[in-house]
Amino acid sequence: MIEKVNKKYRIICDSCGEIFPNKFKTFLDTVTYKKKSGWRSVKLSEDKWNEICSDCVEFEKKLKI
């Protein structure tokens, strides 16, 4: 998930719970970083998304092999 804390955004993996330590100034900065770093977004409903970190994405790929 992407959450706003004290006027800054951070990413938390909805799979493993890892909290990404950097705090971003804007939501767009957060999304841009997430996309460039190999995170995967899973839409659950119109306004709810799960964010999966790159480590969990790689682990899921290995399980499918």
Protein backbone atom coordinates (compact mmCIF):
# COMPACT_ATOMS: atom_id res chain seq x y z
CA MET A 1 0.00 0.00 0.00
CA ILE A 2 1.01 3.58 -0.37
CA GLU A 3 0.28 5.67 2.67
CA LYS A 4 0.73 9.27 3.66
CA VAL A 5 2.44 9.94 7.00
CA ASN A 6 3.32 13.46 8.13
CA LYS A 7 2.95 14.93 4.62
CA LYS A 8 5.22 12.28 3.06
CA TYR A 9 4.38 9.06 1.22
CA ARG A 10 5.83 5.62 1.80
CA ILE A 11 5.34 2.16 0.32
CA ILE A 12 4.48 -0.95 2.30
CA CYS A 13 4.49 -4.36 0.65
CA ASP A 14 1.09 -5.97 1.10
CA SER A 15 2.66 -9.41 0.72
CA CYS A 16 5.55 -9.42 3.21
CA GLY A 17 4.84 -6.24 5.18
CA GLU A 18 8.23 -4.66 4.42
CA ILE A 19 8.11 -0.89 4.84
CA PHE A 20 10.19 0.95 2.27
CA PRO A 21 12.23 3.42 4.35
CA ASN A 22 12.35 6.34 1.90
CA LYS A 23 9.60 8.87 2.22
CA PHE A 24 8.49 10.61 -0.94
CA LYS A 25 7.21 14.17 -1.27
CA THR A 26 4.43 13.34 -3.73
CA PHE A 27 2.23 10.39 -4.57
CA LEU A 28 3.52 10.54 -8.15
CA ASP A 29 7.15 10.28 -6.95
CA THR A 30 6.17 7.18 -4.99
CA VAL A 31 4.45 5.54 -7.96
CA THR A 32 7.33 6.39 -10.28
CA TYR A 33 9.86 4.81 -7.93
CA LYS A 34 7.66 1.75 -7.45
CA LYS A 35 7.34 1.15 -11.19
CA LYS A 36 11.07 1.59 -11.83
CA SER A 37 11.95 -0.77 -8.97
CA GLY A 38 9.90 -3.74 -10.13
CA TRP A 39 6.96 -3.53 -7.75
CA ARG A 40 3.63 -4.94 -8.91
CA SER A 41 0.23 -3.38 -8.24
CA VAL A 42 -2.88 -5.53 -7.87
CA LYS A 43 -6.25 -3.80 -8.12
CA LEU A 44 -8.68 -5.11 -5.51
CA SER A 45 -11.52 -2.64 -6.03
CA GLU A 46 -12.14 0.77 -7.55
CA ASP A 47 -10.06 2.56 -4.91
CA LYS A 48 -8.06 -0.24 -3.24
CA TRP A 49 -4.71 -1.57 -4.51
CA ASN A 50 -2.19 -4.03 -3.12
CA GLU A 51 1.47 -3.18 -3.69
CA ILE A 52 3.87 -6.12 -4.00
CA CYS A 53 7.62 -5.45 -3.57
CA SER A 54 10.15 -6.64 -6.12
CA ASP A 55 11.46 -9.38 -3.77
CA CYS A 56 7.97 -10.86 -3.41
CA VAL A 57 7.37 -10.54 -7.16
CA GLU A 58 10.55 -12.56 -7.80
CA PHE A 59 9.55 -15.13 -5.17
CA GLU A 60 6.12 -15.53 -6.80
CA LYS A 61 7.83 -16.08 -10.19
CA LYS A 62 10.01 -18.84 -8.72
CA LEU A 63 6.97 -20.57 -7.25
CA LYS A 64 5.33 -20.71 -10.70
CA ILE A 65 8.31 -22.45 -12.34
